[in-house]
Amino acid sequence: MKKGIHPDYRPVVFRDPSAGFAFLTRSTIASTKTIEWEDGNTYPLVDVDVSSASHPFYSGRSRVLDTAGRVERFNQRYGRA
């Protein structure tokens, strides 16, 4: 590999604020935010919108969609000829 062309691969904390879930892993992502982790060290922090703690597939908290209402609205708008 060529020297000096690859980004730094370092520990980074990813946090899902909606679920109150955070985990430490390694990444090349850059961040200006930092957080003090459980081990007492300071790491870059990246906030994510969805994680395994908040995604309905992994958490088991799925939302019930009103499919009948959607079909009725579609038929009202476009009607069947």
C-alpha atoms as a PDB file:
ATOM      1  CA  MET A   1       0.000   0.000   0.000  1.00  0.00           C
ATOM      2  CA  LYS A   2       1.102   3.542  -0.634  1.00  0.00           C
ATOM      3  CA  LYS A   3       1.871   5.593   2.446  1.00  0.00           C
ATOM      4  CA  GLY A   4      -0.134   8.723   3.282  1.00  0.00           C
ATOM      5  CA  ILE A   5      -3.126   8.224   0.964  1.00  0.00           C
ATOM      6  CA  HIS A   6      -5.440   6.282   3.270  1.00  0.00           C
ATOM      7  CA  PRO A   7      -7.590   7.847   6.025  1.00  0.00           C
ATOM      8  CA  ASP A   8      -6.896   7.052   9.678  1.00  0.00           C
ATOM      9  CA  TYR A   9      -8.588   3.879  10.909  1.00  0.00           C
ATOM     10  CA  ARG A  10      -9.315   4.553  14.579  1.00  0.00           C
ATOM     11  CA  PRO A  11     -11.842   3.859  17.352  1.00  0.00           C
ATOM     12  CA  VAL A  12     -15.091   5.841  16.975  1.00  0.00           C
ATOM     13  CA  VAL A  13     -18.303   5.903  19.049  1.00  0.00           C
ATOM     14  CA  PHE A  14     -21.581   5.669  17.134  1.00  0.00           C
ATOM     15  CA  ARG A  15     -24.635   6.862  19.099  1.00  0.00           C
ATOM     16  CA  ASP A  16     -28.362   6.565  18.411  1.00  0.00           C
ATOM     17  CA  PRO A  17     -29.873   9.407  20.479  1.00  0.00           C
ATOM     18  CA  SER A  18     -33.471   8.261  19.931  1.00  0.00           C
ATOM     19  CA  ALA A  19     -32.780   4.889  21.558  1.00  0.00           C
ATOM     20  CA  GLY A  20     -30.082   5.951  24.012  1.00  0.00           C
ATOM     21  CA  PHE A  21     -27.742   3.345  22.501  1.00  0.00           C
ATOM     22  CA  ALA A  22     -24.038   3.772  21.727  1.00  0.00           C
ATOM     23  CA  PHE A  23     -21.250   1.430  20.702  1.00  0.00           C
ATOM     24  CA  LEU A  24     -17.518   1.697  20.170  1.00  0.00           C
ATOM     25  CA  THR A  25     -16.015   0.359  16.944  1.00  0.00           C
ATOM     26  CA  ARG A  26     -13.304   1.253  14.457  1.00  0.00           C
ATOM     27  CA  SER A  27     -13.939   3.493  11.459  1.00  0.00           C
ATOM     28  CA  THR A  28     -12.387   6.023   9.086  1.00  0.00           C
ATOM     29  CA  ILE A  29     -15.250   8.535   9.461  1.00  0.00           C
ATOM     30  CA  ALA A  30     -14.298  12.055  10.526  1.00  0.00           C
ATOM     31  CA  SER A  31     -16.166  13.899  13.280  1.00  0.00           C
ATOM     32  CA  THR A  32     -15.708  17.125  15.202  1.00  0.00           C
ATOM     33  CA  LYS A  33     -17.747  15.895  18.198  1.00  0.00           C
ATOM     34  CA  THR A  34     -16.105  13.857  20.957  1.00  0.00           C
ATOM     35  CA  ILE A  35     -17.335  11.813  23.896  1.00  0.00           C
ATOM     36  CA  GLU A  36     -15.719  10.319  26.966  1.00  0.00           C
ATOM     37  CA  TRP A  37     -16.333   6.568  26.820  1.00  0.00           C
ATOM     38  CA  GLU A  38     -16.757   4.083  29.691  1.00  0.00           C
ATOM     39  CA  ASP A  39     -13.036   3.278  29.689  1.00  0.00           C
ATOM     40  CA  GLY A  40     -12.163   6.927  30.427  1.00  0.00           C
ATOM     41  CA  ASN A  41     -10.754   7.682  26.958  1.00  0.00           C
ATOM     42  CA  THR A  42     -12.111  10.362  24.621  1.00  0.00           C
ATOM     43  CA  TYR A  43     -13.241   9.229  21.157  1.00  0.00           C
ATOM     44  CA  PRO A  44     -14.812  10.910  18.118  1.00  0.00           C
ATOM     45  CA  LEU A  45     -18.626  10.754  18.206  1.00  0.00           C
ATOM     46  CA  VAL A  46     -20.991  10.151  15.282  1.00  0.00           C
ATOM     47  CA  ASP A  47     -24.766  10.422  15.796  1.00  0.00           C
ATOM     48  CA  VAL A  48     -26.830   8.033  13.656  1.00  0.00           C
ATOM     49  CA  ASP A  49     -30.555   8.122  12.888  1.00  0.00           C
ATOM     50  CA  VAL A  50     -31.190   4.376  12.988  1.00  0.00           C
ATOM     51  CA  SER A  51     -29.368   1.562  14.766  1.00  0.00           C
ATOM     52  CA  SER A  52     -30.156  -1.999  15.749  1.00  0.00           C
ATOM     53  CA  ALA A  53     -31.699  -0.609  18.964  1.00  0.00           C
ATOM     54  CA  SER A  54     -34.240   1.577  17.141  1.00  0.00           C
ATOM     55  CA  HIS A  55     -34.889  -0.244  13.841  1.00  0.00           C
ATOM     56  CA  PRO A  56     -38.263  -2.060  13.934  1.00  0.00           C
ATOM     57  CA  PHE A  57     -36.861  -5.218  12.336  1.00  0.00           C
ATOM     58  CA  TYR A  58     -34.251  -5.729  15.071  1.00  0.00           C
ATOM     59  CA  SER A  59     -36.184  -4.337  18.029  1.00  0.00           C
ATOM     60  CA  GLY A  60     -39.425  -6.227  17.334  1.00  0.00           C
ATOM     61  CA  ARG A  61     -41.476  -3.043  17.682  1.00  0.00           C
ATOM     62  CA  SER A  62     -43.061  -2.876  14.264  1.00  0.00           C
ATOM     63  CA  ARG A  63     -45.641  -0.301  13.312  1.00  0.00           C
ATOM     64  CA  VAL A  64     -49.040  -1.373  12.073  1.00  0.00           C
ATOM     65  CA  LEU A  65     -49.876   0.310   8.809  1.00  0.00           C
ATOM     66  CA  ASP A  66     -53.442   1.115   7.850  1.00  0.00           C
ATOM     67  CA  THR A  67     -53.391  -0.709   4.517  1.00  0.00           C
ATOM     68  CA  ALA A  68     -57.170  -0.730   4.159  1.00  0.00           C
ATOM     69  CA  GLY A  69     -57.281   3.046   4.523  1.00  0.00           C
ATOM     70  CA  ARG A  70     -54.573   3.429   1.916  1.00  0.00           C
ATOM     71  CA  VAL A  71     -56.411   1.238  -0.578  1.00  0.00           C
ATOM     72  CA  GLU A  72     -59.644   3.138  -0.011  1.00  0.00           C
ATOM     73  CA  ARG A  73     -57.915   6.490  -0.532  1.00  0.00           C
ATOM     74  CA  PHE A  74     -56.298   5.191  -3.725  1.00  0.00           C
ATOM     75  CA  ASN A  75     -59.664   4.008  -5.064  1.00  0.00           C
ATOM     76  CA  GLN A  76     -61.282   7.356  -4.178  1.00  0.00           C
ATOM     77  CA  ARG A  77     -58.574   9.316  -5.976  1.00  0.00           C
ATOM     78  CA  TYR A  78     -58.210   7.229  -9.090  1.00  0.00           C
ATOM     79  CA  GLY A  79     -61.377   5.104  -8.988  1.00  0.00           C
ATOM     80  CA  ARG A  80     -61.938   1.910 -10.841  1.00  0.00           C
ATOM     81  CA  ALA A  81     -63.445   2.277 -14.279  1.00  0.00           C
END
